[in-house]
Amino acid sequence: MEMSQILIQSGCFICVILMGSFLRKIGFFQESDFRLLANIALKVTLPASIICNFNGREISVAMLGFSVLGFVLGVLYIVLAWLTHIHSDREKRAFAVLNCSGYNIGSFTMPFAQGFLGATGGVVTSLFDVGNAFISLGVCYSIASLIKGNDGRLSPAAVVTSILGKLVRSVPFDVYLIMSVLSLLRIALPSPVISFAQVIANANAFVAMLAIGVGLKLSGGISQIRSLGRMLILRYAVALAISLSCFFLLPLPLIYRQTLAIIAFSPVTSAALPFTAELKSDTGLSSAMNSISIIISIACMITVILLVL
């Protein structure tokens, strides 16, 4: 893809985000509309996009290694967040684990991967997100609850039950699993189903970016800058190391390495904010972390795209 095309497409994504933010500021959207738009992206357009990406594509058992990688990197962030806040109080340690772990793949990275790398990039990203979903939608919240105490002690059985319960209720995760199994078995869905799904999937990038713009919010006082800076430096220093390692060291086809190099700079999971609210932690700091992470990720991912494509 030519540099001009990359810049134009990246600019379009950014313009939709800015449009969402502008429409909220003039009152067209309310801040509460973010949850509605995010739910449409997460539970409607993203699943349709996953169906279209996977259908008819033959994936090997070896490709499930991308799912394992998504899980392992999520665990890595959890461990690093815990270690770097080991001397902090339980509240801060739980917050770091919850807000430094996991990737926002479905509503952020997926549109980039599909837009610049096509269906193959979408499949790799989707497989990576299967493993990431374990972390983003279950593991990090349960571990953060355990660290904080959650008004009581959580047994290992309670942690496992909490993780599995959240995953089963996750529409994207369920669709990922179903389509992965169908692809492994080389079973394709009927063309009318795919045609219907494609109509919905075409809206995924727009709805996802619009939701990010509507929800974009920077908050927090001077006292939070040090805490935010510490977590963001950790996040993106590790992301840089992962991106370089995936692109230069992995013995994989070029398009796979390009996709992983981009995925590495995904922002923190969007599930962190509602989970932070459930834990009765600092939602303002979580919102700021999420918003700044998105801004940094846009810059990093566009830079990577210009360098590797």
Protein backbone atom coordinates (compact mmCIF):
# COMPACT_ATOMS: atom_id res chain seq x y z
CA MET A 1 0.00 0.00 0.00
CA GLU A 2 1.33 3.43 -0.95
CA MET A 3 2.17 5.92 1.77
CA SER A 4 -0.47 8.37 0.52
CA GLN A 5 -3.17 5.70 0.85
CA ILE A 6 -1.99 4.82 4.36
CA LEU A 7 -2.07 8.46 5.45
CA ILE A 8 -5.51 9.04 3.89
CA GLN A 9 -7.03 5.97 5.53
CA SER A 10 -5.42 6.76 8.89
CA GLY A 11 -6.68 10.32 8.57
CA CYS A 12 -10.20 9.03 7.92
CA PHE A 13 -10.10 6.97 11.13
CA ILE A 14 -8.88 9.97 13.11
CA CYS A 15 -11.53 12.24 11.56
CA VAL A 16 -14.32 9.87 12.60
CA ILE A 17 -12.94 9.87 16.17
CA LEU A 18 -12.78 13.68 16.17
CA MET A 19 -16.29 13.84 14.71
CA GLY A 20 -17.60 11.71 17.57
CA SER A 21 -15.91 13.95 20.12
CA PHE A 22 -17.23 17.09 18.39
CA LEU A 23 -20.79 15.76 18.18
CA ARG A 24 -20.72 15.02 21.90
CA LYS A 25 -19.46 18.51 22.71
CA ILE A 26 -22.26 20.21 20.73
CA GLY A 27 -24.86 18.01 22.42
CA PHE A 28 -25.71 15.68 19.52
CA PHE A 29 -24.41 12.79 21.64
CA GLN A 30 -24.49 12.57 25.41
CA GLU A 31 -21.61 11.04 27.33
CA SER A 32 -23.95 8.19 28.24
CA ASP A 33 -24.36 7.37 24.52
CA PHE A 34 -20.83 5.97 24.55
CA ARG A 35 -22.04 2.79 26.23
CA LEU A 36 -24.75 2.31 23.59
CA LEU A 37 -22.34 2.83 20.69
CA ALA A 38 -19.70 0.65 22.34
CA ASN A 39 -22.26 -2.12 22.83
CA ILE A 40 -23.32 -1.92 19.17
CA ALA A 41 -19.67 -2.19 18.12
CA LEU A 42 -18.88 -4.95 20.60
CA LYS A 43 -22.01 -7.08 20.28
CA VAL A 44 -23.26 -6.39 16.74
CA THR A 45 -20.77 -5.05 14.19
CA LEU A 46 -17.64 -6.74 15.59
CA PRO A 47 -19.22 -10.25 15.69
CA ALA A 48 -20.43 -9.73 12.11
CA SER A 49 -16.91 -8.71 11.11
CA ILE A 50 -15.46 -11.80 12.79
CA ILE A 51 -17.90 -14.02 10.89
CA CYS A 52 -16.94 -12.47 7.56
CA ASN A 53 -13.20 -12.68 8.29
CA PHE A 54 -13.28 -16.33 9.33
CA ASN A 55 -15.90 -17.78 7.00
CA GLY A 56 -14.45 -19.99 4.29
CA ARG A 57 -10.90 -19.45 5.54
CA GLU A 58 -8.97 -22.56 6.42
CA ILE A 59 -6.89 -22.13 9.54
CA SER A 60 -4.46 -24.70 10.82
CA VAL A 61 -4.01 -25.79 14.40
CA ALA A 62 -0.62 -24.06 14.27
CA MET A 63 -2.35 -20.71 13.69
CA LEU A 64 -3.98 -21.05 17.10
CA GLY A 65 -0.54 -20.04 18.33
CA PHE A 66 -1.69 -16.45 17.74
CA SER A 67 -4.37 -17.02 20.41
CA VAL A 68 -1.74 -18.39 22.78
CA LEU A 69 0.42 -15.32 22.08
CA GLY A 70 -2.50 -13.01 22.90
CA PHE A 71 -2.98 -14.78 26.22
CA VAL A 72 0.73 -14.88 27.10
CA LEU A 73 1.24 -11.17 26.41
CA GLY A 74 -1.78 -10.37 28.56
CA VAL A 75 -0.30 -12.39 31.41
CA LEU A 76 3.02 -10.58 30.89
CA TYR A 77 1.35 -7.19 31.40
CA ILE A 78 -0.45 -8.43 34.52
CA VAL A 79 2.85 -9.64 36.03
CA LEU A 80 4.70 -6.44 35.13
CA ALA A 81 1.90 -4.24 36.50
CA TRP A 82 1.92 -6.21 39.75
CA LEU A 83 5.73 -6.15 40.10
CA THR A 84 6.06 -2.43 39.38
CA HIS A 85 3.39 -1.66 42.00
CA ILE A 86 4.44 -4.29 44.54
CA HIS A 87 5.20 -1.62 47.15
CA SER A 88 1.99 0.32 46.50
CA ASP A 89 -1.20 -0.19 48.48
CA ARG A 90 -3.77 -2.77 47.38
CA GLU A 91 -5.97 -0.16 45.70
CA LYS A 92 -3.20 1.10 43.41
CA ARG A 93 -1.91 -2.39 42.70
CA ALA A 94 -5.37 -3.63 41.72
CA PHE A 95 -5.91 -0.53 39.55
CA ALA A 96 -2.60 -1.09 37.74
CA VAL A 97 -3.33 -4.75 37.03
CA LEU A 98 -6.77 -3.88 35.67
CA ASN A 99 -5.77 -0.86 33.60
CA CYS A 100 -2.37 -1.95 32.24
CA SER A 101 -3.45 -5.38 31.02
CA GLY A 102 -5.22 -6.55 27.88
CA TYR A 103 -5.70 -4.98 24.47
CA ASN A 104 -8.56 -3.07 22.88
CA ILE A 105 -8.64 -5.21 19.74
CA GLY A 106 -12.29 -5.36 18.66
CA SER A 107 -13.23 -1.71 18.61
CA PHE A 108 -9.82 -0.24 17.82
CA THR A 109 -7.17 -2.50 16.28
CA MET A 110 -9.53 -4.64 14.20
CA PRO A 111 -10.56 -1.75 11.91
CA PHE A 112 -6.89 -0.84 11.42
CA ALA A 113 -5.89 -4.44 10.66
CA GLN A 114 -8.76 -4.94 8.22
CA GLY A 115 -8.28 -1.56 6.58
CA PHE A 116 -4.56 -1.95 5.94
CA LEU A 117 -3.94 -5.71 5.85
CA GLY A 118 -7.22 -7.08 4.50
CA ALA A 119 -8.90 -10.34 5.47
CA THR A 120 -5.66 -12.12 6.39
CA GLY A 121 -4.76 -9.38 8.85
CA GLY A 122 -8.31 -9.59 10.20
CA VAL A 123 -7.99 -13.35 10.81
CA VAL A 124 -4.63 -13.02 12.59
CA THR A 125 -6.03 -10.18 14.70
CA SER A 126 -9.16 -12.19 15.52
CA LEU A 127 -7.14 -15.25 16.56
CA PHE A 128 -4.90 -13.05 18.72
CA ASP A 129 -8.02 -11.55 20.31
CA VAL A 130 -9.31 -15.00 21.33
CA GLY A 131 -6.40 -15.28 23.77
CA ASN A 132 -6.55 -11.59 24.63
CA ALA A 133 -10.27 -11.94 25.51
CA PHE A 134 -9.39 -14.34 28.32
CA ILE A 135 -7.30 -11.57 29.87
CA SER A 136 -9.44 -8.52 29.01
CA LEU A 137 -12.87 -9.98 29.80
CA GLY A 138 -12.11 -12.20 32.76
CA VAL A 139 -8.64 -12.77 34.15
CA CYS A 140 -7.48 -9.20 34.87
CA TYR A 141 -10.73 -8.24 36.61
CA SER A 142 -10.76 -11.38 38.75
CA ILE A 143 -7.11 -10.91 39.75
CA ALA A 144 -7.68 -7.21 40.51
CA SER A 145 -10.64 -8.22 42.69
CA LEU A 146 -8.45 -10.72 44.50
CA ILE A 147 -5.70 -8.13 45.09
CA LYS A 148 -8.10 -5.51 46.37
CA GLY A 149 -9.95 -8.00 48.56
CA ASN A 150 -13.39 -7.20 47.11
CA ASP A 151 -14.82 -6.96 50.64
CA GLY A 152 -13.74 -10.53 51.29
CA ARG A 153 -11.45 -13.33 50.16
CA LEU A 154 -11.85 -14.97 46.78
CA SER A 155 -11.00 -18.65 46.60
CA PRO A 156 -9.28 -20.05 43.47
CA ALA A 157 -12.58 -21.71 42.57
CA ALA A 158 -14.37 -18.35 42.81
CA VAL A 159 -11.74 -16.73 40.56
CA VAL A 160 -12.10 -19.45 37.91
CA THR A 161 -15.91 -19.24 38.10
CA SER A 162 -15.76 -15.45 37.72
CA ILE A 163 -13.47 -15.70 34.67
CA LEU A 164 -15.54 -18.37 32.93
CA GLY A 165 -18.81 -16.57 33.68
CA LYS A 166 -17.59 -13.34 32.08
CA LEU A 167 -16.20 -15.15 29.03
CA VAL A 168 -19.37 -17.12 28.38
CA ARG A 169 -21.40 -13.89 28.44
CA SER A 170 -19.04 -12.21 25.96
CA VAL A 171 -20.61 -12.19 22.47
CA PRO A 172 -17.32 -11.56 20.57
CA PHE A 173 -15.56 -14.32 22.48
CA ASP A 174 -18.35 -16.81 21.76
CA VAL A 175 -18.31 -15.89 18.05
CA TYR A 176 -14.51 -16.19 17.97
CA LEU A 177 -14.71 -19.72 19.36
CA ILE A 178 -17.53 -20.83 17.06
CA MET A 179 -15.90 -19.46 13.91
CA SER A 180 -12.48 -20.85 14.90
CA VAL A 181 -13.98 -24.32 15.26
CA LEU A 182 -15.85 -24.02 11.94
CA SER A 183 -12.67 -22.87 10.20
CA LEU A 184 -10.67 -25.75 11.66
CA LEU A 185 -13.37 -28.16 10.46
CA ARG A 186 -13.48 -26.38 7.06
CA ILE A 187 -17.18 -25.64 7.39
CA ALA A 188 -18.48 -22.51 5.65
CA LEU A 189 -21.70 -20.68 6.48
CA PRO A 190 -24.38 -20.26 3.78
CA SER A 191 -23.87 -17.29 1.45
CA PRO A 192 -27.12 -15.51 2.51
CA VAL A 193 -25.85 -15.50 6.11
CA ILE A 194 -22.52 -14.02 5.03
CA SER A 195 -24.20 -11.43 2.81
CA PHE A 196 -26.29 -10.27 5.78
CA ALA A 197 -23.27 -10.28 8.09
CA GLN A 198 -21.22 -8.31 5.57
CA VAL A 199 -23.74 -5.46 5.54
CA ILE A 200 -23.36 -5.16 9.31
CA ALA A 201 -19.59 -5.74 9.27
CA ASN A 202 -19.09 -2.84 6.86
CA ALA A 203 -20.18 -0.50 9.65
CA ASN A 204 -17.71 -1.86 12.21
CA ALA A 205 -14.87 0.58 11.60
CA PHE A 206 -17.21 3.60 11.57
CA VAL A 207 -19.19 2.63 14.68
CA ALA A 208 -16.06 1.63 16.60
CA MET A 209 -14.19 4.85 15.84
CA LEU A 210 -17.30 6.97 16.47
CA ALA A 211 -17.74 5.31 19.87
CA ILE A 212 -14.12 6.05 20.75
CA GLY A 213 -14.66 9.71 19.87
CA VAL A 214 -17.86 9.98 21.90
CA GLY A 215 -16.18 8.34 24.89
CA LEU A 216 -12.89 10.22 24.60
CA LYS A 217 -12.37 11.91 27.93
CA LEU A 218 -9.30 13.35 29.64
CA SER A 219 -9.63 13.88 33.35
CA GLY A 220 -7.52 13.93 36.47
CA GLY A 221 -5.45 16.46 38.36
CA ILE A 222 -1.74 17.08 38.63
CA SER A 223 -1.42 14.40 41.31
CA GLN A 224 -2.43 11.73 38.78
CA ILE A 225 0.16 12.64 36.15
CA ARG A 226 2.96 10.66 37.81
CA SER A 227 0.81 7.57 38.18
CA LEU A 228 -0.46 7.82 34.60
CA GLY A 229 3.03 8.43 33.23
CA ARG A 230 4.43 5.44 35.07
CA MET A 231 1.80 3.07 33.70
CA LEU A 232 1.91 4.44 30.15
CA ILE A 233 5.72 4.31 29.98
CA LEU A 234 5.58 0.68 31.12
CA ARG A 235 2.85 -0.14 28.63
CA TYR A 236 4.51 1.36 25.54
CA ALA A 237 8.09 0.40 26.38
CA VAL A 238 6.94 -3.22 26.50
CA ALA A 239 4.83 -2.68 23.35
CA LEU A 240 7.89 -1.42 21.47
CA ALA A 241 9.92 -4.47 22.51
CA ILE A 242 7.07 -6.83 21.52
CA SER A 243 6.52 -5.11 18.17
CA LEU A 244 10.21 -5.25 17.22
CA SER A 245 10.53 -8.86 18.36
CA CYS A 246 7.46 -9.99 16.43
CA PHE A 247 8.52 -8.28 13.22
CA PHE A 248 12.23 -9.11 13.18
CA LEU A 249 12.52 -12.38 15.12
CA LEU A 250 9.46 -14.53 14.43
CA PRO A 251 9.86 -17.04 11.55
CA LEU A 252 6.49 -16.18 10.02
CA PRO A 253 5.22 -14.85 6.66
CA LEU A 254 5.57 -11.09 6.28
CA ILE A 255 1.87 -10.26 6.59
CA TYR A 256 1.64 -12.12 9.90
CA ARG A 257 4.64 -10.22 11.27
CA GLN A 258 3.23 -6.92 10.02
CA THR A 259 -0.07 -7.63 11.77
CA LEU A 260 1.58 -8.55 15.08
CA ALA A 261 3.81 -5.47 14.93
CA ILE A 262 0.67 -3.32 14.69
CA ILE A 263 -1.30 -5.27 17.32
CA ALA A 264 1.48 -4.74 19.86
CA PHE A 265 0.61 -1.04 20.06
CA SER A 266 -3.10 -1.57 20.72
CA PRO A 267 -4.47 0.63 23.50
CA VAL A 268 -5.53 -0.76 26.87
CA THR A 269 -8.75 -2.75 26.88
CA SER A 270 -11.96 -0.72 26.87
CA ALA A 271 -13.35 -3.16 29.47
CA ALA A 272 -10.98 -1.65 32.03
CA LEU A 273 -13.24 1.38 32.64
CA PRO A 274 -16.48 -0.47 33.52
CA PHE A 275 -14.49 -3.03 35.54
CA THR A 276 -12.80 -0.18 37.43
CA ALA A 277 -16.25 1.19 38.25
CA GLU A 278 -17.35 -2.25 39.51
CA LEU A 279 -14.35 -2.32 41.84
CA LYS A 280 -15.26 1.19 43.06
CA SER A 281 -11.81 2.43 42.04
CA ASP A 282 -10.73 5.70 40.38
CA THR A 283 -12.85 5.85 37.20
CA GLY A 284 -11.52 9.33 36.35
CA LEU A 285 -7.96 8.03 36.27
CA SER A 286 -9.09 4.96 34.31
CA SER A 287 -10.85 7.17 31.75
CA ALA A 288 -7.74 9.33 31.39
CA MET A 289 -5.56 6.23 31.02
CA ASN A 290 -7.87 4.84 28.34
CA SER A 291 -8.14 8.10 26.42
CA ILE A 292 -4.41 8.92 26.45
CA SER A 293 -3.64 5.32 25.51
CA ILE A 294 -5.87 5.64 22.44
CA ILE A 295 -4.12 8.85 21.35
CA ILE A 296 -0.66 7.31 21.78
CA SER A 297 -1.73 4.10 20.03
CA ILE A 298 -3.05 6.00 17.00
CA ALA A 299 0.31 7.72 16.59
CA CYS A 300 2.30 4.51 17.18
CA MET A 301 0.20 2.33 14.88
CA ILE A 302 0.26 4.83 12.01
CA THR A 303 4.05 5.04 12.40
CA VAL A 304 4.35 1.23 12.32
CA ILE A 305 2.06 1.01 9.29
CA LEU A 306 4.19 3.54 7.42
CA LEU A 307 7.35 1.60 8.28
CA VAL A 308 6.28 -2.00 7.65
CA LEU A 309 3.81 -1.79 4.76
